[in-house]
N, C-alpha and C. Protein backbone atom coordinates (compact mmCIF):
# COMPACT_ATOMS: atom_id res chain seq x y z
N ASP A 1 58.74 105.98 99.46
CA ASP A 1 59.98 106.31 98.53
C ASP A 1 59.81 107.76 97.39
N LEU A 2 58.09 107.68 96.97
CA LEU A 2 57.89 108.83 96.20
C LEU A 2 57.55 110.12 97.11
N LEU A 3 57.34 109.80 98.43
CA LEU A 3 56.70 111.08 99.38
C LEU A 3 58.49 111.62 99.75
N ASP A 4 59.48 110.51 100.26
CA ASP A 4 60.68 111.12 99.98
C ASP A 4 61.11 112.07 98.62
N LEU A 5 61.11 111.11 97.63
CA LEU A 5 61.32 112.28 96.41
C LEU A 5 60.98 113.38 96.23
N ALA A 6 59.72 113.43 96.63
CA ALA A 6 59.17 115.06 96.00
C ALA A 6 59.07 116.22 97.90
N ARG A 7 60.01 115.22 98.44
CA ARG A 7 60.73 116.27 99.48
C ARG A 7 61.76 116.69 98.68
N LEU A 8 62.53 115.54 98.85
CA LEU A 8 63.67 116.60 98.14
C LEU A 8 64.30 117.66 97.04
N GLN A 9 62.84 117.44 96.34
CA GLN A 9 62.71 118.46 95.11
C GLN A 9 61.79 119.29 95.50
N ASP A 10 61.14 119.37 96.35
CA ASP A 10 60.89 120.84 96.79
C ASP A 10 61.31 121.10 98.25
N LYS A 11 62.68 122.32 98.46
CA LYS A 11 63.26 122.80 99.14
C LYS A 11 62.14 123.69 99.80
N ARG A 12 60.74 124.01 99.96
CA ARG A 12 60.46 124.88 101.08
C ARG A 12 60.52 124.12 101.91
N GLY A 13 60.77 125.37 103.03
CA GLY A 13 60.57 125.01 104.49
C GLY A 13 61.53 124.11 104.99
N GLU A 14 62.08 123.78 104.40
CA GLU A 14 63.63 122.75 104.29
C GLU A 14 64.46 122.61 105.94
N GLU A 15 64.81 121.93 106.92
CA GLU A 15 65.44 122.77 107.72
C GLU A 15 66.95 122.94 107.18
N GLU A 16 67.89 123.83 107.97
CA GLU A 16 68.98 124.14 107.83
C GLU A 16 69.77 122.51 108.09
N PRO A 17 71.34 122.41 107.23
CA PRO A 17 71.64 121.43 108.05
C PRO A 17 72.65 122.01 109.18
N VAL A 18 73.19 120.81 109.48
CA VAL A 18 73.75 120.96 111.16
C VAL A 18 74.73 119.94 110.94
N PRO A 19 75.66 119.49 111.97
CA PRO A 19 76.90 118.74 111.95
C PRO A 19 76.15 118.02 112.20
N VAL A 20 76.36 116.51 111.41
CA VAL A 20 76.44 115.47 112.05
C VAL A 20 77.35 114.22 111.61
N ASP A 21 77.18 113.37 112.94
CA ASP A 21 78.54 112.20 112.72
C ASP A 21 77.88 111.49 112.09
N VAL A 22 78.70 110.88 110.75
CA VAL A 22 77.87 109.87 110.35
C VAL A 22 77.96 108.92 110.51
N GLY A 23 79.00 108.21 110.72
CA GLY A 23 79.37 107.12 111.60
C GLY A 23 78.18 106.17 112.60
N PRO A 24 77.77 107.09 114.13
CA PRO A 24 76.33 106.50 114.68
C PRO A 24 75.43 106.73 113.58
N VAL A 25 75.01 107.25 113.20
CA VAL A 25 74.16 107.21 111.60
C VAL A 25 74.43 105.73 111.28
N LEU A 26 75.07 105.93 110.52
CA LEU A 26 75.16 104.23 109.83
C LEU A 26 75.16 102.90 110.33
N MET A 27 75.74 103.24 111.87
CA MET A 27 75.60 101.90 112.98
C MET A 27 74.19 102.19 112.62
N GLY A 28 73.51 102.57 113.58
CA GLY A 28 71.75 102.16 113.48
C GLY A 28 71.59 101.99 112.53
N VAL A 29 71.48 101.88 110.89
CA VAL A 29 71.18 102.26 110.35
C VAL A 29 71.56 100.42 109.86
N ALA A 30 73.02 99.69 110.19
CA ALA A 30 73.41 98.63 110.10
C ALA A 30 72.29 97.67 111.49
N ASP A 31 71.98 98.29 112.61
CA ASP A 31 71.93 97.53 113.17
C ASP A 31 70.33 96.96 112.82
N LEU A 32 69.80 97.89 112.14
CA LEU A 32 68.44 97.46 111.83
C LEU A 32 68.10 96.81 110.68
N MET A 33 69.28 96.45 109.70
CA MET A 33 69.39 95.86 108.67
C MET A 33 70.39 94.57 108.62
N ARG A 34 70.79 94.27 109.95
CA ARG A 34 71.18 92.65 110.32
C ARG A 34 70.38 92.09 110.06
N ALA A 35 69.07 92.47 110.58
CA ALA A 35 68.34 91.30 110.81
C ALA A 35 67.71 90.62 109.58
N ARG A 36 67.98 91.36 108.84
CA ARG A 36 67.25 91.04 107.08
C ARG A 36 68.44 90.60 106.94
N ALA A 37 69.76 91.01 106.88
CA ALA A 37 71.00 90.28 105.67
C ALA A 37 71.27 88.82 107.17
N GLU A 38 71.16 88.41 107.99
CA GLU A 38 71.40 87.40 108.82
C GLU A 38 69.88 86.02 108.41
N ASP A 39 69.13 86.59 107.99
CA ASP A 39 68.12 86.06 107.18
C ASP A 39 67.85 85.23 106.14
N LYS A 40 69.09 86.15 105.29
CA LYS A 40 69.56 85.29 103.87
C LYS A 40 71.13 84.51 103.70
N ASP A 41 71.51 84.79 105.30
CA ASP A 41 72.54 83.70 105.38
C ASP A 41 73.79 84.62 104.57
N LEU A 42 73.55 85.97 104.56
CA LEU A 42 74.55 86.56 104.66
C LEU A 42 75.64 87.27 105.48
N LEU A 43 76.91 87.40 104.81
CA LEU A 43 78.09 87.82 105.63
C LEU A 43 77.84 89.01 105.84
N PHE A 44 77.89 90.00 106.91
CA PHE A 44 77.35 91.66 106.75
C PHE A 44 78.13 91.60 107.61
N SER A 45 78.57 93.47 107.29
CA SER A 45 80.44 93.37 108.59
C SER A 45 80.15 95.25 107.60
N VAL A 46 80.55 95.87 109.08
CA VAL A 46 80.16 97.47 108.82
C VAL A 46 81.81 97.81 109.25
N GLU A 47 82.30 98.79 109.05
CA GLU A 47 83.59 99.10 109.44
C GLU A 47 83.55 100.49 109.41
N VAL A 48 84.30 101.27 110.36
CA VAL A 48 84.06 103.02 110.41
C VAL A 48 85.14 103.12 110.92
N GLU A 49 85.99 104.03 110.19
CA GLU A 49 87.24 104.65 110.59
C GLU A 49 87.53 105.09 111.96
N PRO A 50 87.87 105.32 113.00
CA PRO A 50 87.59 105.82 114.17
C PRO A 50 88.41 107.42 114.37
N GLY A 51 87.52 107.79 115.06
CA GLY A 51 87.78 109.85 114.91
C GLY A 51 87.06 110.17 113.60
N LEU A 52 85.71 109.89 113.02
CA LEU A 52 85.31 110.50 111.76
C LEU A 52 85.01 112.19 112.12
N PRO A 53 85.40 113.15 111.51
CA PRO A 53 84.66 114.50 111.59
C PRO A 53 83.05 114.43 111.42
N PRO A 54 82.67 115.39 112.29
CA PRO A 54 80.80 115.31 111.34
C PRO A 54 80.98 115.96 109.82
N VAL A 55 80.27 116.09 109.04
CA VAL A 55 79.66 116.12 107.92
C VAL A 55 78.46 117.70 108.51
N LYS A 56 78.41 118.47 107.93
CA LYS A 56 77.49 119.40 107.03
C LYS A 56 76.16 119.04 106.82
N ALA A 57 75.48 118.27 107.38
CA ALA A 57 73.95 117.44 106.58
C ALA A 57 71.96 117.66 107.01
N MET A 58 71.12 116.98 106.62
CA MET A 58 70.29 117.43 107.26
C MET A 58 70.15 115.08 107.79
N PRO A 59 70.23 115.26 109.13
CA PRO A 59 70.34 113.64 109.68
C PRO A 59 69.52 112.21 108.94
N GLU A 60 68.28 112.88 108.72
CA GLU A 60 67.06 112.24 107.99
C GLU A 60 67.51 111.71 106.71
N HIS A 61 68.01 112.41 105.83
CA HIS A 61 69.17 112.34 104.64
C HIS A 61 70.30 111.61 104.67
N ILE A 62 71.04 111.87 105.75
CA ILE A 62 71.62 110.32 105.91
C ILE A 62 71.53 109.57 106.18
N LYS A 63 70.56 109.63 107.02
CA LYS A 63 69.93 107.83 107.63
C LYS A 63 69.30 107.04 106.21
N ARG A 64 68.60 108.21 105.40
CA ARG A 64 67.81 107.25 104.30
C ARG A 64 68.81 107.14 103.19
N LEU A 65 69.89 107.43 103.17
CA LEU A 65 71.27 107.03 102.12
C LEU A 65 71.57 105.72 102.79
N TRP A 66 72.10 105.92 103.68
CA TRP A 66 72.43 104.49 103.90
C TRP A 66 71.42 103.52 104.05
N THR A 67 70.57 103.66 104.62
CA THR A 67 69.38 102.81 104.48
C THR A 67 69.16 102.36 102.92
N ASN A 68 68.73 103.17 102.22
CA ASN A 68 69.00 102.93 100.51
C ASN A 68 69.59 101.91 99.93
N LEU A 69 71.03 102.72 100.55
CA LEU A 69 72.49 101.62 99.61
C LEU A 69 72.26 100.15 100.59
N ILE A 70 72.57 100.27 101.75
CA ILE A 70 72.43 98.76 102.29
C ILE A 70 71.44 98.17 101.94
N SER A 71 70.05 98.82 101.88
CA SER A 71 69.03 97.76 101.24
C SER A 71 69.15 97.13 100.00
N ASN A 72 69.54 98.08 99.25
CA ASN A 72 69.51 97.70 97.70
C ASN A 72 70.75 96.62 97.87
N ALA A 73 71.89 96.23 98.93
CA ALA A 73 73.22 95.12 98.95
C ALA A 73 72.22 94.12 99.55
N ILE A 74 71.34 94.65 100.17
CA ILE A 74 70.84 92.88 100.79
C ILE A 74 70.03 92.34 99.78
N LYS A 75 68.96 93.02 99.33
CA LYS A 75 68.29 92.72 98.53
C LYS A 75 68.62 91.96 97.51
N TYR A 76 69.91 92.55 96.41
CA TYR A 76 70.02 91.78 95.83
C TYR A 76 71.46 91.04 95.84
N THR A 77 71.93 90.19 96.82
CA THR A 77 72.69 89.11 97.16
C THR A 77 72.18 88.00 96.96
N GLU A 78 72.62 87.14 96.44
CA GLU A 78 72.15 85.89 96.62
C GLU A 78 72.35 85.36 98.13
N PRO A 79 71.89 84.10 99.12
CA PRO A 79 71.89 84.16 100.07
C PRO A 79 73.89 83.44 100.66
N GLY A 80 73.85 83.25 101.48
CA GLY A 80 75.74 82.93 101.41
C GLY A 80 76.42 84.33 100.81
N GLY A 81 75.99 85.17 100.16
CA GLY A 81 77.15 86.14 99.91
C GLY A 81 77.70 86.99 100.78
N ILE A 82 78.21 88.58 100.43
CA ILE A 82 78.22 89.19 101.28
C ILE A 82 78.18 90.77 100.88
N VAL A 83 77.84 91.02 102.05
CA VAL A 83 77.75 92.93 101.76
C VAL A 83 78.52 93.68 103.22
N VAL A 84 79.32 94.30 102.60
CA VAL A 84 80.44 95.15 103.52
C VAL A 84 80.47 96.55 103.07
N VAL A 85 80.46 97.24 104.15
CA VAL A 85 79.88 98.74 104.54
C VAL A 85 81.15 98.93 105.22
N THR A 86 81.89 99.93 104.72
CA THR A 86 82.98 100.55 104.56
C THR A 86 82.70 102.49 105.30
N LEU A 87 82.86 103.37 106.00
CA LEU A 87 83.09 104.39 106.65
C LEU A 87 84.30 105.35 106.67
N ALA A 88 84.79 106.12 105.75
CA ALA A 88 86.69 106.51 106.07
C ALA A 88 86.63 107.91 105.84
N GLN A 89 87.70 108.13 106.20
CA GLN A 89 87.91 109.47 105.63
C GLN A 89 89.41 109.64 105.25
N ASN A 90 88.67 111.14 104.04
CA ASN A 90 90.38 111.51 103.33
C ASN A 90 90.33 112.55 103.41
N PRO A 91 91.46 113.10 102.70
CA PRO A 91 91.77 114.42 103.17
C PRO A 91 90.55 115.62 103.51
N ASN A 92 89.36 115.28 102.67
CA ASN A 92 88.30 116.48 102.08
C ASN A 92 87.10 116.11 102.49
N TYR A 93 87.08 114.48 102.53
CA TYR A 93 85.81 114.16 102.18
C TYR A 93 85.28 112.28 103.71
N ILE A 94 84.31 112.66 103.76
CA ILE A 94 84.02 111.40 104.60
C ILE A 94 83.57 110.37 103.44
N VAL A 95 84.32 109.42 103.39
CA VAL A 95 83.84 108.13 101.85
C VAL A 95 83.02 106.75 102.32
N GLY A 96 82.00 106.83 101.80
CA GLY A 96 80.94 105.12 102.34
C GLY A 96 81.18 104.69 101.10
N THR A 97 80.94 103.48 101.56
CA THR A 97 81.11 102.30 100.40
C THR A 97 79.96 101.72 100.91
N VAL A 98 79.45 101.31 100.25
CA VAL A 98 78.69 99.62 100.27
C VAL A 98 78.91 98.80 99.09
N ARG A 99 79.51 97.50 99.54
CA ARG A 99 80.20 96.50 98.94
C ARG A 99 79.45 95.28 98.96
N ASP A 100 79.20 94.28 97.74
CA ASP A 100 78.35 93.54 97.92
C ASP A 100 78.61 92.49 96.86
N THR A 101 78.35 91.37 96.93
CA THR A 101 78.24 89.76 96.12
C THR A 101 77.09 89.68 95.02
N GLY A 102 76.38 90.67 94.64
CA GLY A 102 75.51 90.26 94.14
C GLY A 102 74.81 90.12 92.68
N ILE A 103 73.98 91.02 92.09
CA ILE A 103 73.64 90.70 90.97
C ILE A 103 74.31 91.41 89.74
N GLY A 104 75.03 92.45 89.94
CA GLY A 104 76.43 92.64 88.93
C GLY A 104 75.03 93.77 88.58
N MET A 105 76.35 94.37 87.46
CA MET A 105 75.72 94.97 86.40
C MET A 105 76.23 95.31 84.63
N THR A 106 75.62 95.35 83.91
CA THR A 106 76.94 95.66 82.65
C THR A 106 76.60 97.53 82.78
N PRO A 107 77.88 97.08 81.64
CA PRO A 107 77.91 98.93 81.87
C PRO A 107 76.56 99.62 81.03
N GLU A 108 75.95 99.22 79.92
CA GLU A 108 74.41 99.99 79.47
C GLU A 108 73.80 99.96 80.96
N GLN A 109 73.39 99.13 81.92
CA GLN A 109 72.53 99.20 82.95
C GLN A 109 73.03 100.43 83.43
N MET A 110 74.70 100.36 83.55
CA MET A 110 75.16 101.42 84.91
C MET A 110 74.32 102.68 84.20
N THR A 111 74.68 103.07 82.90
CA THR A 111 73.75 104.52 82.36
C THR A 111 72.69 104.87 82.94
N HIS A 112 71.76 103.95 83.31
CA HIS A 112 70.33 104.44 84.05
C HIS A 112 70.76 104.44 85.17
N LEU A 113 70.97 103.74 85.80
CA LEU A 113 71.18 103.66 87.12
C LEU A 113 70.85 104.27 88.24
N TYR A 114 70.44 105.89 88.30
CA TYR A 114 70.20 106.81 88.94
C TYR A 114 68.65 107.51 88.48
N GLU A 115 68.05 106.89 87.38
CA GLU A 115 66.81 107.37 86.88
C GLU A 115 65.70 107.07 87.69
N GLU A 116 64.90 107.86 87.84
CA GLU A 116 63.98 107.62 88.37
C GLU A 116 63.31 106.37 88.07
N PHE A 117 62.49 105.34 88.79
CA PHE A 117 61.70 103.95 88.34
C PHE A 117 62.83 103.26 87.73
N TYR A 118 64.12 103.11 87.60
CA TYR A 118 64.85 102.65 86.85
C TYR A 118 65.44 100.75 87.80
N ARG A 119 64.88 99.86 87.14
CA ARG A 119 65.54 98.61 87.66
C ARG A 119 65.63 97.37 86.23
N THR A 120 67.01 97.30 86.75
CA THR A 120 67.18 95.44 85.37
C THR A 120 66.14 94.83 85.65
N GLU A 121 66.59 93.77 84.50
CA GLU A 121 65.61 92.75 84.67
C GLU A 121 65.85 91.94 85.93
N GLU A 122 66.92 92.01 86.02
CA GLU A 122 67.73 91.14 86.69
C GLU A 122 66.69 91.22 87.82
N ALA A 123 67.46 92.68 88.35
CA ALA A 123 66.55 93.38 89.62
C ALA A 123 64.97 92.58 89.55
N LYS A 124 64.01 92.46 88.41
CA LYS A 124 63.04 92.79 89.04
C LYS A 124 62.70 91.11 88.89
N THR A 125 63.71 90.14 88.38
CA THR A 125 63.50 88.90 88.80
C THR A 125 63.86 88.64 89.64
N MET A 126 65.01 88.83 90.19
CA MET A 126 65.05 88.66 92.04
C MET A 126 64.39 89.25 92.76
N GLU A 127 63.32 90.55 92.69
CA GLU A 127 62.94 91.21 93.64
C GLU A 127 61.51 91.21 93.45
N ARG A 128 60.62 90.79 93.22
CA ARG A 128 59.37 91.78 92.74
C ARG A 128 58.82 93.30 93.17
N GLN A 129 59.24 93.58 94.15
CA GLN A 129 59.08 94.20 95.29
C GLN A 129 59.91 95.36 94.87
N GLY A 130 59.12 96.77 94.64
CA GLY A 130 60.26 97.88 95.08
C GLY A 130 60.21 98.93 93.46
N THR A 131 60.55 100.46 94.19
CA THR A 131 60.08 101.66 93.20
C THR A 131 61.12 101.46 92.18
N GLY A 132 62.09 101.09 91.96
CA GLY A 132 63.20 102.25 91.26
C GLY A 132 63.64 103.62 91.69
N LEU A 133 63.16 103.68 93.02
CA LEU A 133 63.44 105.11 93.52
C LEU A 133 64.29 105.10 94.39
N GLY A 134 65.34 104.03 94.56
CA GLY A 134 66.33 104.17 95.89
C GLY A 134 67.80 104.76 95.24
N LEU A 135 67.58 104.51 94.79
CA LEU A 135 69.46 105.29 93.96
C LEU A 135 69.34 106.26 93.50
N SER A 136 68.11 106.72 93.03
CA SER A 136 67.53 108.40 92.61
C SER A 136 67.80 109.28 93.68
N ILE A 137 67.30 108.83 94.69
CA ILE A 137 67.07 109.43 96.43
C ILE A 137 68.42 109.58 97.05
N ALA A 138 69.05 108.38 96.69
CA ALA A 138 70.50 108.57 97.17
C ALA A 138 71.55 109.86 96.53
N LYS A 139 71.46 109.70 95.69
CA LYS A 139 72.05 110.48 94.47
C LYS A 139 71.76 112.03 94.86
N ARG A 140 70.81 112.78 94.60
CA ARG A 140 69.81 113.42 95.12
C ARG A 140 70.62 114.15 96.42
N ILE A 141 70.31 112.90 97.54
CA ILE A 141 71.07 113.35 98.85
C ILE A 141 72.57 113.45 98.54
N VAL A 142 72.72 112.84 98.32
CA VAL A 142 74.35 113.27 98.15
C VAL A 142 74.72 114.57 97.64
N GLU A 143 74.38 114.37 96.08
CA GLU A 143 74.42 115.76 95.57
C GLU A 143 74.24 117.41 96.36
N ALA A 144 73.13 116.89 97.08
CA ALA A 144 72.03 117.83 97.76
C ALA A 144 73.05 118.38 98.98
N HIS A 145 74.05 117.66 99.43
CA HIS A 145 75.67 117.84 100.33
C HIS A 145 76.52 118.00 99.55
N GLY A 146 76.36 118.53 98.49
CA GLY A 146 78.12 118.79 98.22
C GLY A 146 78.70 117.78 97.36
N GLY A 147 78.42 116.14 97.59
CA GLY A 147 78.91 115.49 97.67
C GLY A 147 78.84 114.47 96.51
N ARG A 148 79.26 113.25 96.07
CA ARG A 148 79.45 112.73 94.58
C ARG A 148 79.08 111.74 95.31
N ILE A 149 78.29 110.12 94.16
CA ILE A 149 78.14 109.10 94.27
C ILE A 149 78.25 108.45 93.31
N TRP A 150 78.94 107.66 93.08
CA TRP A 150 79.32 106.73 91.84
C TRP A 150 79.27 104.31 91.93
N CYS A 151 79.14 104.21 90.87
CA CYS A 151 79.10 103.27 90.95
C CYS A 151 80.41 102.05 90.60
N GLU A 152 81.03 101.11 90.97
CA GLU A 152 81.58 100.73 90.66
C GLU A 152 81.48 99.08 90.15
N ALA A 153 80.76 98.27 89.24
CA ALA A 153 80.30 97.03 88.92
C ALA A 153 80.96 96.07 87.99
N ARG A 154 80.61 94.74 88.49
CA ARG A 154 81.11 93.50 87.26
C ARG A 154 79.81 92.86 87.24
N GLU A 155 79.50 92.63 85.76
CA GLU A 155 78.58 91.86 84.42
C GLU A 155 78.40 90.62 85.41
N VAL A 156 79.52 89.96 86.41
CA VAL A 156 79.08 88.53 86.45
C VAL A 156 78.76 88.71 87.88
N GLY A 157 78.41 90.07 88.70
CA GLY A 157 77.87 90.21 89.78
C GLY A 157 78.97 90.94 90.89
N GLY A 158 78.77 91.46 92.06
CA GLY A 158 78.97 92.00 92.22
C GLY A 158 79.54 93.52 92.11
N SER A 159 78.79 94.62 92.74
CA SER A 159 79.14 96.16 92.97
C SER A 159 79.53 96.82 94.20
N ALA A 160 80.15 98.18 93.88
CA ALA A 160 80.48 98.75 94.95
C ALA A 160 79.84 100.04 94.73
N PHE A 161 79.34 100.36 95.57
CA PHE A 161 78.30 102.21 95.14
C PHE A 161 79.37 103.40 96.33
N ARG A 162 79.60 103.58 95.81
CA ARG A 162 80.27 104.78 96.96
C ARG A 162 80.12 106.43 96.73
N PHE A 163 79.97 107.05 98.04
CA PHE A 163 80.10 108.85 97.79
C PHE A 163 80.81 108.97 99.09
N THR A 164 81.11 110.72 98.37
CA THR A 164 81.90 111.73 99.04
C THR A 164 81.14 112.58 99.66
N LEU A 165 80.67 113.43 100.07
CA LEU A 165 80.24 114.13 101.30
C LEU A 165 81.59 115.02 102.00
N PRO A 166 81.53 116.14 101.57
CA PRO A 166 82.56 117.06 101.86
C PRO A 166 82.58 117.36 103.54
N LEU A 167 83.50 117.82 103.76
CA LEU A 167 84.38 117.88 105.11
C LEU A 167 84.04 119.44 105.73
N ARG A 168 84.28 120.21 104.85
CA ARG A 168 83.98 121.75 104.80
C ARG A 168 83.43 122.60 103.35
N GLY A 169 82.14 121.59 102.92
CA GLY A 169 81.04 122.16 102.57
C GLY A 169 81.97 122.38 100.61
N ASP A 170 83.08 121.70 100.64
CA ASP A 170 83.85 121.83 99.17
C ASP A 170 82.59 121.41 98.54
N ASP A 171 83.06 121.63 97.15
CA ASP A 171 82.33 120.63 95.82
C ASP A 171 82.95 119.83 95.80
N ALA A 172 82.51 118.81 95.83
CA ALA A 172 82.64 117.60 95.34
C ALA A 172 83.60 116.52 94.49
N THR A 173 84.77 116.51 95.24
CA THR A 173 85.50 115.73 93.53
C THR A 173 86.58 114.47 94.36
N THR A 174 86.90 113.65 93.27
CA THR A 174 87.85 112.78 94.28
C THR A 174 89.16 112.33 93.69
C-alpha cells in the first residue's frame, strides 16, 4: 500500500492512460476475491451492464481501485453478509458501486474516510491487519482519472462506495 501511494504521488515516468474496458478488469478482480467471500460465507454478486464503453485510464490503477473497494467490503462484512458490486453507465460516466452489509460508519467517521492511515475503531476491532491506505489510494486513483468517489453509509451497518469515471475525459459530476 505504501509503494502504491508513493507511485500515485510521484507522476514521473508514469505511463499515459489508454482505453480500458473496466468490466473485464472488474471480473478479473472479482474472480480473485470470490474465494475470500466464500470463506466468510458471504453472498457475493457482481453485475456488469453489457456494452460499456472503455474509459481512458491506466489498467493497473483500475485493478487496484476495484481490489481496494471489494477487499474492504469483504473484510468488514460479518459472515453471512452480502457484498454486491455493480458497474453501469450514465450518459457521461462509468459508475461503479461496491455495496455491503458491513460494519457501517458514523457521519463523523465518514469525514475522515479518505485520510491516509485512518481506520475506525470498529474496523481495527474486526480486522487487526490493515494500513488505512486503501480508501486514500482509491480516491487518488479516481481523481487522477477525472472521476469522483463517495460513500453512503449507515451507523447500524452497511455502506455503499460509488465512483464515477468520465467517458470523454470530462470533469466528474453526478
